[in-house]
Amino acid sequence: MTRIGMMLALSAAFALAPLGATAGETGEKVGRVVEESAKTGGHTVRDGFLTFGRTVRAFFTSGGSAATETWHENAARTRENAREGARRTEGEANR
């Protein structure tokens, strides 16, 4: 199986996994946790792309030291957003 095929199969398995666990309160809890986890992952990916773009812009407009500073500032913001998402996910799991 090719890498793409394996990734599609794995993605489908993860997408359909919550459907099997929809029995009562446990299923609702699993669904909320999966949803919050997906949001956290999506926001982290978005923040990573924004960090990269801002760093490239800083490099071409202000040079290497500005790019390094921009990278560190945005990485700290991304890290804090990911930690906040982890707290929300944990809150859903403990609810």
PDB file of N, CA and C in Angstrom:
ATOM      1  N   MET A   1       0.859  -1.177   0.000  1.00  0.00           N
ATOM      2  CA  MET A   1       0.000   0.000   0.000  1.00  0.00           C
ATOM      3  C   MET A   1       0.905   1.240   0.000  1.00  0.00           C
ATOM      4  N   THR A   2       0.561   2.202  -0.787  1.00  0.00           N
ATOM      5  CA  THR A   2       1.365   3.414  -0.859  1.00  0.00           C
ATOM      6  C   THR A   2       1.145   4.265   0.386  1.00  0.00           C
ATOM      7  N   ARG A   3       2.029   5.231   0.567  1.00  0.00           N
ATOM      8  CA  ARG A   3       1.899   6.124   1.720  1.00  0.00           C
ATOM      9  C   ARG A   3       0.578   6.872   1.708  1.00  0.00           C
ATOM     10  N   ILE A   4       0.198   7.337   0.543  1.00  0.00           N
ATOM     11  CA  ILE A   4      -1.055   8.088   0.432  1.00  0.00           C
ATOM     12  C   ILE A   4      -2.233   7.187   0.778  1.00  0.00           C
ATOM     13  N   GLY A   5      -2.207   5.956   0.291  1.00  0.00           N
ATOM     14  CA  GLY A   5      -3.280   5.014   0.600  1.00  0.00           C
ATOM     15  C   GLY A   5      -3.362   4.716   2.083  1.00  0.00           C
ATOM     16  N   MET A   6      -2.200   4.557   2.719  1.00  0.00           N
ATOM     17  CA  MET A   6      -2.192   4.299   4.156  1.00  0.00           C
ATOM     18  C   MET A   6      -2.717   5.498   4.920  1.00  0.00           C
ATOM     19  N   MET A   7      -2.338   6.695   4.494  1.00  0.00           N
ATOM     20  CA  MET A   7      -2.808   7.905   5.172  1.00  0.00           C
ATOM     21  C   MET A   7      -4.322   8.059   5.017  1.00  0.00           C
ATOM     22  N   LEU A   8      -4.846   7.754   3.834  1.00  0.00           N
ATOM     23  CA  LEU A   8      -6.292   7.830   3.626  1.00  0.00           C
ATOM     24  C   LEU A   8      -7.030   6.807   4.488  1.00  0.00           C
ATOM     25  N   ALA A   9      -6.490   5.608   4.570  1.00  0.00           N
ATOM     26  CA  ALA A   9      -7.129   4.572   5.387  1.00  0.00           C
ATOM     27  C   ALA A   9      -7.095   4.960   6.861  1.00  0.00           C
ATOM     28  N   LEU A  10      -5.959   5.486   7.316  1.00  0.00           N
ATOM     29  CA  LEU A  10      -5.835   5.911   8.709  1.00  0.00           C
ATOM     30  C   LEU A  10      -6.770   7.075   9.006  1.00  0.00           C
ATOM     31  N   SER A  11      -6.841   8.029   8.089  1.00  0.00           N
ATOM     32  CA  SER A  11      -7.745   9.164   8.266  1.00  0.00           C
ATOM     33  C   SER A  11      -9.198   8.708   8.332  1.00  0.00           C
ATOM     34  N   ALA A  12      -9.566   7.786   7.479  1.00  0.00           N
ATOM     35  CA  ALA A  12     -10.934   7.275   7.490  1.00  0.00           C
ATOM     36  C   ALA A  12     -11.230   6.553   8.798  1.00  0.00           C
ATOM     37  N   ALA A  13     -10.258   5.798   9.287  1.00  0.00           N
ATOM     38  CA  ALA A  13     -10.461   5.079  10.547  1.00  0.00           C
ATOM     39  C   ALA A  13     -10.674   6.057  11.696  1.00  0.00           C
ATOM     40  N   PHE A  14      -9.874   7.115  11.730  1.00  0.00           N
ATOM     41  CA  PHE A  14     -10.041   8.106  12.791  1.00  0.00           C
ATOM     42  C   PHE A  14     -11.351   8.878  12.636  1.00  0.00           C
ATOM     43  N   ALA A  15     -11.744   9.137  11.423  1.00  0.00           N
ATOM     44  CA  ALA A  15     -12.981   9.878  11.202  1.00  0.00           C
ATOM     45  C   ALA A  15     -14.209   9.053  11.587  1.00  0.00           C
ATOM     46  N   LEU A  16     -14.142   7.758  11.360  1.00  0.00           N
ATOM     47  CA  LEU A  16     -15.283   6.900  11.645  1.00  0.00           C
ATOM     48  C   LEU A  16     -15.262   6.323  13.054  1.00  0.00           C
ATOM     49  N   ALA A  17     -14.137   6.415  13.757  1.00  0.00           N
ATOM     50  CA  ALA A  17     -14.024   5.859  15.104  1.00  0.00           C
ATOM     51  C   ALA A  17     -15.055   6.442  16.064  1.00  0.00           C
ATOM     52  N   PRO A  18     -15.288   7.754  16.075  1.00  0.00           N
ATOM     53  CA  PRO A  18     -16.293   8.278  16.999  1.00  0.00           C
ATOM     54  C   PRO A  18     -17.705   7.755  16.719  1.00  0.00           C
ATOM     55  N   LEU A  19     -17.985   7.357  15.487  1.00  0.00           N
ATOM     56  CA  LEU A  19     -19.318   6.846  15.165  1.00  0.00           C
ATOM     57  C   LEU A  19     -19.612   5.552  15.909  1.00  0.00           C
ATOM     58  N   GLY A  20     -18.596   4.731  16.138  1.00  0.00           N
ATOM     59  CA  GLY A  20     -18.791   3.483  16.852  1.00  0.00           C
ATOM     60  C   GLY A  20     -18.980   3.681  18.343  1.00  0.00           C
ATOM     61  N   ALA A  21     -18.571   4.826  18.850  1.00  0.00           N
ATOM     62  CA  ALA A  21     -18.635   5.076  20.289  1.00  0.00           C
ATOM     63  C   ALA A  21     -19.710   6.103  20.612  1.00  0.00           C
ATOM     64  N   THR A  22     -20.849   5.991  19.987  1.00  0.00           N
ATOM     65  CA  THR A  22     -21.894   6.983  20.209  1.00  0.00           C
ATOM     66  C   THR A  22     -22.993   6.492  21.151  1.00  0.00           C
ATOM     67  N   ALA A  23     -22.663   5.568  22.001  1.00  0.00           N
ATOM     68  CA  ALA A  23     -23.671   5.029  22.916  1.00  0.00           C
ATOM     69  C   ALA A  23     -23.717   5.862  24.190  1.00  0.00           C
ATOM     70  N   GLY A  24     -24.753   6.659  24.312  1.00  0.00           N
ATOM     71  CA  GLY A  24     -25.004   7.392  25.549  1.00  0.00           C
ATOM     72  C   GLY A  24     -23.990   8.463  25.873  1.00  0.00           C
ATOM     73  N   GLU A  25     -23.830   8.655  27.169  1.00  0.00           N
ATOM     74  CA  GLU A  25     -22.972   9.730  27.676  1.00  0.00           C
ATOM     75  C   GLU A  25     -21.510   9.546  27.274  1.00  0.00           C
ATOM     76  N   THR A  26     -21.021   8.330  27.266  1.00  0.00           N
ATOM     77  CA  THR A  26     -19.636   8.071  26.885  1.00  0.00           C
ATOM     78  C   THR A  26     -19.383   8.493  25.445  1.00  0.00           C
ATOM     79  N   GLY A  27     -20.309   8.175  24.571  1.00  0.00           N
ATOM     80  CA  GLY A  27     -20.170   8.562  23.169  1.00  0.00           C
ATOM     81  C   GLY A  27     -20.154  10.065  22.988  1.00  0.00           C
ATOM     82  N   GLU A  28     -20.990  10.757  23.724  1.00  0.00           N
ATOM     83  CA  GLU A  28     -21.008  12.222  23.653  1.00  0.00           C
ATOM     84  C   GLU A  28     -19.681  12.796  24.128  1.00  0.00           C
ATOM     85  N   LYS A  29     -19.166  12.230  25.213  1.00  0.00           N
ATOM     86  CA  LYS A  29     -17.895  12.695  25.769  1.00  0.00           C
ATOM     87  C   LYS A  29     -16.760  12.480  24.769  1.00  0.00           C
ATOM     88  N   VAL A  30     -16.730  11.291  24.173  1.00  0.00           N
ATOM     89  CA  VAL A  30     -15.703  10.985  23.178  1.00  0.00           C
ATOM     90  C   VAL A  30     -15.814  11.953  22.007  1.00  0.00           C
ATOM     91  N   GLY A  31     -17.026  12.214  21.560  1.00  0.00           N
ATOM     92  CA  GLY A  31     -17.228  13.138  20.451  1.00  0.00           C
ATOM     93  C   GLY A  31     -16.732  14.537  20.759  1.00  0.00           C
ATOM     94  N   ARG A  32     -17.008  15.023  21.981  1.00  0.00           N
ATOM     95  CA  ARG A  32     -16.546  16.362  22.363  1.00  0.00           C
ATOM     96  C   ARG A  32     -15.027  16.412  22.440  1.00  0.00           C
ATOM     97  N   VAL A  33     -14.411  15.358  22.979  1.00  0.00           N
ATOM     98  CA  VAL A  33     -12.950  15.328  23.094  1.00  0.00           C
ATOM     99  C   VAL A  33     -12.307  15.272  21.718  1.00  0.00           C
ATOM    100  N   VAL A  34     -12.846  14.446  20.835  1.00  0.00           N
ATOM    101  CA  VAL A  34     -12.304  14.345  19.473  1.00  0.00           C
ATOM    102  C   VAL A  34     -12.455  15.685  18.754  1.00  0.00           C
ATOM    103  N   GLU A  35     -13.601  16.316  18.914  1.00  0.00           N
ATOM    104  CA  GLU A  35     -13.829  17.612  18.271  1.00  0.00           C
ATOM    105  C   GLU A  35     -12.831  18.655  18.779  1.00  0.00           C
ATOM    106  N   GLU A  36     -12.642  18.714  20.083  1.00  0.00           N
ATOM    107  CA  GLU A  36     -11.718  19.698  20.651  1.00  0.00           C
ATOM    108  C   GLU A  36     -10.275  19.401  20.245  1.00  0.00           C
ATOM    109  N   SER A  37      -9.942  18.116  20.164  1.00  0.00           N
ATOM    110  CA  SER A  37      -8.601  17.729  19.711  1.00  0.00           C
ATOM    111  C   SER A  37      -8.371  18.150  18.260  1.00  0.00           C
ATOM    112  N   ALA A  38      -9.372  17.963  17.429  1.00  0.00           N
ATOM    113  CA  ALA A  38      -9.254  18.352  16.022  1.00  0.00           C
ATOM    114  C   ALA A  38      -9.096  19.864  15.883  1.00  0.00           C
ATOM    115  N   LYS A  39      -9.846  20.614  16.690  1.00  0.00           N
ATOM    116  CA  LYS A  39      -9.715  22.070  16.657  1.00  0.00           C
ATOM    117  C   LYS A  39      -8.306  22.488  17.057  1.00  0.00           C
ATOM    118  N   THR A  40      -7.793  21.871  18.112  1.00  0.00           N
ATOM    119  CA  THR A  40      -6.451  22.200  18.591  1.00  0.00           C
ATOM    120  C   THR A  40      -5.415  21.898  17.513  1.00  0.00           C
ATOM    121  N   GLY A  41      -5.530  20.732  16.894  1.00  0.00           N
ATOM    122  CA  GLY A  41      -4.599  20.374  15.826  1.00  0.00           C
ATOM    123  C   GLY A  41      -4.686  21.325  14.649  1.00  0.00           C
ATOM    124  N   GLY A  42      -5.884  21.682  14.260  1.00  0.00           N
ATOM    125  CA  GLY A  42      -6.063  22.621  13.148  1.00  0.00           C
ATOM    126  C   GLY A  42      -5.502  23.989  13.449  1.00  0.00           C
ATOM    127  N   HIS A  43      -5.732  24.462  14.661  1.00  0.00           N
ATOM    128  CA  HIS A  43      -5.190  25.770  15.045  1.00  0.00           C
ATOM    129  C   HIS A  43      -3.674  25.746  15.093  1.00  0.00           C
ATOM    130  N   THR A  44      -3.103  24.646  15.537  1.00  0.00           N
ATOM    131  CA  THR A  44      -1.649  24.540  15.597  1.00  0.00           C
ATOM    132  C   THR A  44      -1.048  24.545  14.200  1.00  0.00           C
ATOM    133  N   VAL A  45      -1.669  23.834  13.283  1.00  0.00           N
ATOM    134  CA  VAL A  45      -1.193  23.829  11.894  1.00  0.00           C
ATOM    135  C   VAL A  45      -1.292  25.234  11.313  1.00  0.00           C
ATOM    136  N   ARG A  46      -2.427  25.885  11.538  1.00  0.00           N
ATOM    137  CA  ARG A  46      -2.610  27.258  11.051  1.00  0.00           C
ATOM    138  C   ARG A  46      -1.535  28.177  11.614  1.00  0.00           C
ATOM    139  N   ASP A  47      -1.298  28.093  12.913  1.00  0.00           N
ATOM    140  CA  ASP A  47      -0.288  28.939  13.543  1.00  0.00           C
ATOM    141  C   ASP A  47       1.104  28.668  12.986  1.00  0.00           C
ATOM    142  N   GLY A  48       1.390  27.408  12.685  1.00  0.00           N
ATOM    143  CA  GLY A  48       2.686  27.069  12.098  1.00  0.00           C
ATOM    144  C   GLY A  48       2.878  27.715  10.734  1.00  0.00           C
ATOM    145  N   PHE A  49       1.841  27.672   9.904  1.00  0.00           N
ATOM    146  CA  PHE A  49       1.924  28.314   8.590  1.00  0.00           C
ATOM    147  C   PHE A  49       2.068  29.830   8.729  1.00  0.00           C
ATOM    148  N   LEU A  50       1.328  30.418   9.663  1.00  0.00           N
ATOM    149  CA  LEU A  50       1.443  31.863   9.868  1.00  0.00           C
ATOM    150  C   LEU A  50       2.836  32.234  10.355  1.00  0.00           C
ATOM    151  N   THR A  51       3.389  31.428  11.251  1.00  0.00           N
ATOM    152  CA  THR A  51       4.745  31.676  11.743  1.00  0.00           C
ATOM    153  C   THR A  51       5.732  31.645  10.594  1.00  0.00           C
ATOM    154  N   PHE A  52       5.619  30.639   9.751  1.00  0.00           N
ATOM    155  CA  PHE A  52       6.522  30.526   8.607  1.00  0.00           C
ATOM    156  C   PHE A  52       6.387  31.738   7.683  1.00  0.00           C
ATOM    157  N   GLY A  53       5.168  32.104   7.360  1.00  0.00           N
ATOM    158  CA  GLY A  53       4.945  33.238   6.463  1.00  0.00           C
ATOM    159  C   GLY A  53       5.458  34.549   7.033  1.00  0.00           C
ATOM    160  N   ARG A  54       5.197  34.789   8.299  1.00  0.00           N
ATOM    161  CA  ARG A  54       5.669  36.019   8.927  1.00  0.00           C
ATOM    162  C   ARG A  54       7.189  36.056   8.990  1.00  0.00           C
ATOM    163  N   THR A  55       7.793  34.897   9.209  1.00  0.00           N
ATOM    164  CA  THR A  55       9.253  34.835   9.274  1.00  0.00           C
ATOM    165  C   THR A  55       9.873  35.126   7.915  1.00  0.00           C
ATOM    166  N   VAL A  56       9.302  34.560   6.881  1.00  0.00           N
ATOM    167  CA  VAL A  56       9.811  34.809   5.525  1.00  0.00           C
ATOM    168  C   VAL A  56       9.662  36.289   5.185  1.00  0.00           C
ATOM    169  N   ARG A  57       8.513  36.860   5.524  1.00  0.00           N
ATOM    170  CA  ARG A  57       8.302  38.291   5.271  1.00  0.00           C
ATOM    171  C   ARG A  57       9.325  39.134   6.018  1.00  0.00           C
ATOM    172  N   ALA A  58       9.572  38.815   7.291  1.00  0.00           N
ATOM    173  CA  ALA A  58      10.545  39.573   8.075  1.00  0.00           C
ATOM    174  C   ALA A  58      11.948  39.427   7.496  1.00  0.00           C
ATOM    175  N   PHE A  59      12.277  38.244   7.006  1.00  0.00           N
ATOM    176  CA  PHE A  59      13.596  38.037   6.417  1.00  0.00           C
ATOM    177  C   PHE A  59      13.801  38.922   5.199  1.00  0.00           C
ATOM    178  N   PHE A  60      12.811  38.975   4.318  1.00  0.00           N
ATOM    179  CA  PHE A  60      12.976  39.744   3.092  1.00  0.00           C
ATOM    180  C   PHE A  60      12.807  41.245   3.301  1.00  0.00           C
ATOM    181  N   THR A  61      12.120  41.655   4.353  1.00  0.00           N
ATOM    182  CA  THR A  61      11.953  43.091   4.565  1.00  0.00           C
ATOM    183  C   THR A  61      12.978  43.672   5.533  1.00  0.00           C
ATOM    184  N   SER A  62      13.444  42.852   6.508  1.00  0.00           N
ATOM    185  CA  SER A  62      14.314  43.409   7.539  1.00  0.00           C
ATOM    186  C   SER A  62      15.582  42.617   7.800  1.00  0.00           C
ATOM    187  N   GLY A  63      15.752  41.466   7.188  1.00  0.00           N
ATOM    188  CA  GLY A  63      16.983  40.713   7.359  1.00  0.00           C
ATOM    189  C   GLY A  63      16.859  39.526   8.302  1.00  0.00           C
ATOM    190  N   GLY A  64      17.998  38.852   8.463  1.00  0.00           N
ATOM    191  CA  GLY A  64      18.041  37.608   9.216  1.00  0.00           C
ATOM    192  C   GLY A  64      17.742  37.743  10.698  1.00  0.00           C
ATOM    193  N   SER A  65      18.252  38.791  11.336  1.00  0.00           N
ATOM    194  CA  SER A  65      18.010  38.920  12.781  1.00  0.00           C
ATOM    195  C   SER A  65      16.535  39.192  13.062  1.00  0.00           C
ATOM    196  N   ALA A  66      15.883  39.969  12.210  1.00  0.00           N
ATOM    197  CA  ALA A  66      14.450  40.221  12.377  1.00  0.00           C
ATOM    198  C   ALA A  66      13.655  38.941  12.158  1.00  0.00           C
ATOM    199  N   ALA A  67      14.099  38.125  11.205  1.00  0.00           N
ATOM    200  CA  ALA A  67      13.408  36.857  10.951  1.00  0.00           C
ATOM    201  C   ALA A  67      13.531  35.927  12.152  1.00  0.00           C
ATOM    202  N   THR A  68      14.715  35.880  12.746  1.00  0.00           N
ATOM    203  CA  THR A  68      14.909  35.043  13.935  1.00  0.00           C
ATOM    204  C   THR A  68      14.018  35.507  15.078  1.00  0.00           C
ATOM    205  N   GLU A  69      13.965  36.810  15.289  1.00  0.00           N
ATOM    206  CA  GLU A  69      13.130  37.355  16.354  1.00  0.00           C
ATOM    207  C   GLU A  69      11.646  37.065  16.088  1.00  0.00           C
ATOM    208  N   THR A  70      11.231  37.254  14.842  1.00  0.00           N
ATOM    209  CA  THR A  70       9.839  36.975  14.476  1.00  0.00           C
ATOM    210  C   THR A  70       9.508  35.505  14.693  1.00  0.00           C
ATOM    211  N   TRP A  71      10.433  34.627  14.312  1.00  0.00           N
ATOM    212  CA  TRP A  71      10.218  33.191  14.484  1.00  0.00           C
ATOM    213  C   TRP A  71       9.997  32.855  15.957  1.00  0.00           C
ATOM    214  N   HIS A  72      10.864  33.371  16.821  1.00  0.00           N
ATOM    215  CA  HIS A  72      10.751  33.060  18.245  1.00  0.00           C
ATOM    216  C   HIS A  72       9.459  33.617  18.850  1.00  0.00           C
ATOM    217  N   GLU A  73       9.080  34.830  18.472  1.00  0.00           N
ATOM    218  CA  GLU A  73       7.835  35.413  18.988  1.00  0.00           C
ATOM    219  C   GLU A  73       6.618  34.594  18.560  1.00  0.00           C
ATOM    220  N   ASN A  74       6.576  34.225  17.294  1.00  0.00           N
ATOM    221  CA  ASN A  74       5.438  33.465  16.792  1.00  0.00           C
ATOM    222  C   ASN A  74       5.437  32.029  17.312  1.00  0.00           C
ATOM    223  N   ALA A  75       6.614  31.451  17.500  1.00  0.00           N
ATOM    224  CA  ALA A  75       6.679  30.100  18.058  1.00  0.00           C
ATOM    225  C   ALA A  75       6.140  30.094  19.489  1.00  0.00           C
ATOM    226  N   ALA A  76       6.440  31.137  20.242  1.00  0.00           N
ATOM    227  CA  ALA A  76       5.922  31.237  21.608  1.00  0.00           C
ATOM    228  C   ALA A  76       4.399  31.359  21.588  1.00  0.00           C
ATOM    229  N   ARG A  77       3.878  32.139  20.649  1.00  0.00           N
ATOM    230  CA  ARG A  77       2.424  32.285  20.517  1.00  0.00           C
ATOM    231  C   ARG A  77       1.780  30.949  20.132  1.00  0.00           C
ATOM    232  N   THR A  78       2.397  30.233  19.197  1.00  0.00           N
ATOM    233  CA  THR A  78       1.886  28.931  18.778  1.00  0.00           C
ATOM    234  C   THR A  78       1.888  27.956  19.947  1.00  0.00           C
ATOM    235  N   ARG A  79       2.974  27.954  20.699  1.00  0.00           N
ATOM    236  CA  ARG A  79       3.094  27.063  21.854  1.00  0.00           C
ATOM    237  C   ARG A  79       1.995  27.350  22.879  1.00  0.00           C
ATOM    238  N   GLU A  80       1.751  28.633  23.163  1.00  0.00           N
ATOM    239  CA  GLU A  80       0.718  29.002  24.129  1.00  0.00           C
ATOM    240  C   GLU A  80      -0.674  28.615  23.625  1.00  0.00           C
ATOM    241  N   ASN A  81      -0.937  28.812  22.328  1.00  0.00           N
ATOM    242  CA  ASN A  81      -2.225  28.405  21.758  1.00  0.00           C
ATOM    243  C   ASN A  81      -2.409  26.890  21.849  1.00  0.00           C
ATOM    244  N   ALA A  82      -1.342  26.127  21.607  1.00  0.00           N
ATOM    245  CA  ALA A  82      -1.424  24.668  21.693  1.00  0.00           C
ATOM    246  C   ALA A  82      -1.679  24.229  23.130  1.00  0.00           C
ATOM    247  N   ARG A  83      -1.034  24.884  24.071  1.00  0.00           N
ATOM    248  CA  ARG A  83      -1.254  24.535  25.481  1.00  0.00           C
ATOM    249  C   ARG A  83      -2.681  24.856  25.910  1.00  0.00           C
ATOM    250  N   GLU A  84      -3.198  25.976  25.438  1.00  0.00           N
ATOM    251  CA  GLU A  84      -4.582  26.328  25.747  1.00  0.00           C
ATOM    252  C   GLU A  84      -5.544  25.292  25.158  1.00  0.00           C
ATOM    253  N   GLY A  85      -5.268  24.865  23.937  1.00  0.00           N
ATOM    254  CA  GLY A  85      -6.088  23.827  23.319  1.00  0.00           C
ATOM    255  C   GLY A  85      -6.010  22.517  24.087  1.00  0.00           C
ATOM    256  N   ALA A  86      -4.835  22.198  24.585  1.00  0.00           N
ATOM    257  CA  ALA A  86      -4.685  20.980  25.389  1.00  0.00           C
ATOM    258  C   ALA A  86      -5.493  21.082  26.677  1.00  0.00           C
ATOM    259  N   ARG A  87      -5.509  22.264  27.272  1.00  0.00           N
ATOM    260  CA  ARG A  87      -6.310  22.455  28.491  1.00  0.00           C
ATOM    261  C   ARG A  87      -7.803  22.305  28.186  1.00  0.00           C
ATOM    262  N   ARG A  88      -8.249  22.847  27.048  1.00  0.00           N
ATOM    263  CA  ARG A  88      -9.657  22.710  26.675  1.00  0.00           C
ATOM    264  C   ARG A  88     -10.009  21.239  26.406  1.00  0.00           C
ATOM    265  N   THR A  89      -9.105  20.528  25.731  1.00  0.00           N
ATOM    266  CA  THR A  89      -9.340  19.121  25.449  1.00  0.00           C
ATOM    267  C   THR A  89      -9.401  18.317  26.748  1.00  0.00           C
ATOM    268  N   GLU A  90      -8.488  18.600  27.651  1.00  0.00           N
ATOM    269  CA  GLU A  90      -8.498  17.908  28.932  1.00  0.00           C
ATOM    270  C   GLU A  90      -9.765  18.250  29.726  1.00  0.00           C
ATOM    271  N   GLY A  91     -10.204  19.492  29.629  1.00  0.00           N
ATOM    272  CA  GLY A  91     -11.436  19.884  30.295  1.00  0.00           C
ATOM    273  C   GLY A  91     -12.639  19.118  29.772  1.00  0.00           C
ATOM    274  N   GLU A  92     -12.678  18.908  28.461  1.00  0.00           N
ATOM    275  CA  GLU A  92     -13.761  18.122  27.873  1.00  0.00           C
ATOM    276  C   GLU A  92     -13.679  16.666  28.331  1.00  0.00           C
ATOM    277  N   ALA A  93     -12.473  16.152  28.447  1.00  0.00           N
ATOM    278  CA  ALA A  93     -12.299  14.756  28.866  1.00  0.00           C
ATOM    279  C   ALA A  93     -12.723  14.553  30.320  1.00  0.00           C
ATOM    280  N   ASN A  94     -12.528  15.567  31.145  1.00  0.00           N
ATOM    281  CA  ASN A  94     -12.854  15.460  32.561  1.00  0.00           C
ATOM    282  C   ASN A  94     -14.261  15.949  32.903  1.00  0.00           C
ATOM    283  N   ARG A  95     -14.994  16.366  31.917  1.00  0.00           N
ATOM    284  CA  ARG A  95     -16.334  16.906  32.126  1.00  0.00           C
ATOM    285  C   ARG A  95     -17.348  15.834  32.380  1.00  0.00           C
TER     286      ARG A  95
END
